[in-house]
């Protein structure tokens, strides 16, 4: 099956506990990336850009914090910025369209 290119974008917020906060991004339970960031305040966030090359279908997008941490991670404004795809109501299920 032919693959399609899509690009996602979201804002990653973190309530930082003073230790290096590391998180992982999964697409359909496959590790997509792991990031480490020293957050420098309450109002800071990262703008994440996620390029995906995959066949049409449904894909779960999931973030998780790595231990040890007491930080809290929040993902806001998840959106498709390129390609033919859409998010379902839960904003974690991406559908790449043919």
Protein backbone atom coordinates (compact mmCIF):
# COMPACT_ATOMS: atom_id res chain seq x y z
CA UNK A 1 0.00 0.00 0.00
CA UNK A 2 1.30 3.45 -0.87
CA UNK A 3 2.34 5.72 1.99
CA UNK A 4 1.18 9.30 2.55
CA UNK A 5 3.08 12.17 4.14
CA UNK A 6 1.36 14.16 6.86
CA UNK A 7 2.61 16.67 9.37
CA UNK A 8 1.18 17.21 12.85
CA UNK A 9 1.83 20.00 15.28
CA UNK A 10 1.01 20.42 18.96
CA UNK A 11 2.04 22.35 22.06
CA UNK A 12 3.72 20.32 24.82
CA UNK A 13 3.37 21.85 28.30
CA UNK A 14 5.11 20.58 31.41
CA UNK A 15 4.70 21.29 35.12
CA UNK A 16 8.38 20.90 35.91
CA UNK A 17 9.65 19.39 39.19
CA UNK A 18 13.28 20.58 38.90
CA UNK A 19 14.75 17.38 37.47
CA UNK A 20 15.40 16.73 33.81
CA UNK A 21 12.01 15.87 32.40
CA UNK A 22 12.03 13.25 29.66
CA UNK A 23 9.09 12.15 27.58
CA UNK A 24 8.37 9.79 24.73
CA UNK A 25 6.05 10.08 21.76
CA UNK A 26 4.49 6.91 20.38
CA UNK A 27 2.59 6.38 17.13
CA UNK A 28 0.61 3.10 17.30
CA UNK A 29 2.79 1.84 20.20
CA UNK A 30 5.94 2.38 18.13
CA UNK A 31 8.48 4.71 19.73
CA UNK A 32 8.65 7.77 17.51
CA UNK A 33 10.95 9.99 19.59
CA UNK A 34 12.29 10.56 23.09
CA UNK A 35 13.05 14.06 24.28
CA UNK A 36 14.79 15.54 27.28
CA UNK A 37 14.21 19.15 28.16
CA UNK A 38 15.01 21.47 31.06
CA UNK A 39 11.84 23.48 31.47
CA UNK A 40 12.48 27.03 32.60
CA UNK A 41 9.23 28.31 34.01
CA UNK A 42 5.48 27.90 34.30
CA UNK A 43 4.50 29.47 30.99
CA UNK A 44 6.92 27.66 28.69
CA UNK A 45 5.98 25.03 26.18
CA UNK A 46 7.53 23.26 23.23
CA UNK A 47 5.98 23.38 19.81
CA UNK A 48 6.31 19.81 18.56
CA UNK A 49 6.31 19.07 14.82
CA UNK A 50 5.62 15.43 13.95
CA UNK A 51 6.20 14.25 10.37
CA UNK A 52 4.60 10.87 9.60
CA UNK A 53 5.01 8.77 6.46
CA UNK A 54 2.51 5.90 6.58
CA UNK A 55 -0.26 4.13 4.66
CA UNK A 56 -3.83 5.42 5.03
CA UNK A 57 -5.46 4.23 8.25
CA UNK A 58 -5.93 4.97 11.96
CA UNK A 59 -2.99 5.83 14.22
CA UNK A 60 -2.94 6.42 17.98
CA UNK A 61 -0.73 9.33 19.09
CA UNK A 62 0.45 8.99 22.70
CA UNK A 63 2.85 10.90 24.98
CA UNK A 64 4.29 9.54 28.23
CA UNK A 65 6.66 10.86 30.88
CA UNK A 66 9.66 8.76 31.86
CA UNK A 67 10.57 7.96 35.46
CA UNK A 68 11.77 9.21 37.82
CA UNK A 69 9.70 12.34 37.70
CA UNK A 70 6.95 14.17 39.49
CA UNK A 71 6.34 16.40 36.49
CA UNK A 72 3.04 16.61 34.66
CA UNK A 73 2.80 16.70 30.89
CA UNK A 74 0.02 18.29 28.87
CA UNK A 75 -0.58 18.25 25.13
CA UNK A 76 -2.71 21.01 23.62
CA UNK A 77 -3.78 22.15 20.18
CA UNK A 78 -2.97 18.88 18.36
CA UNK A 79 -3.57 19.58 14.68
CA UNK A 80 -2.77 18.48 11.14
CA UNK A 81 -0.62 21.11 9.39
CA UNK A 82 0.18 19.22 6.20
CA UNK A 83 -1.18 16.34 4.19
CA UNK A 84 -4.55 14.64 3.95
CA UNK A 85 -5.45 13.56 7.50
CA UNK A 86 -7.82 14.40 10.34
CA UNK A 87 -8.13 13.82 14.07
CA UNK A 88 -11.11 12.07 15.57
CA UNK A 89 -12.97 13.64 18.52
CA UNK A 90 -10.55 12.32 21.16
CA UNK A 91 -7.62 14.20 19.54
CA UNK A 92 -5.38 11.15 19.97
CA UNK A 93 -6.60 9.10 17.01
CA UNK A 94 -5.25 10.31 13.68
CA UNK A 95 -6.77 9.10 10.42
CA UNK A 96 -4.52 9.34 7.38
CA UNK A 97 -6.84 9.58 4.38
CA UNK A 98 -6.21 8.15 0.93
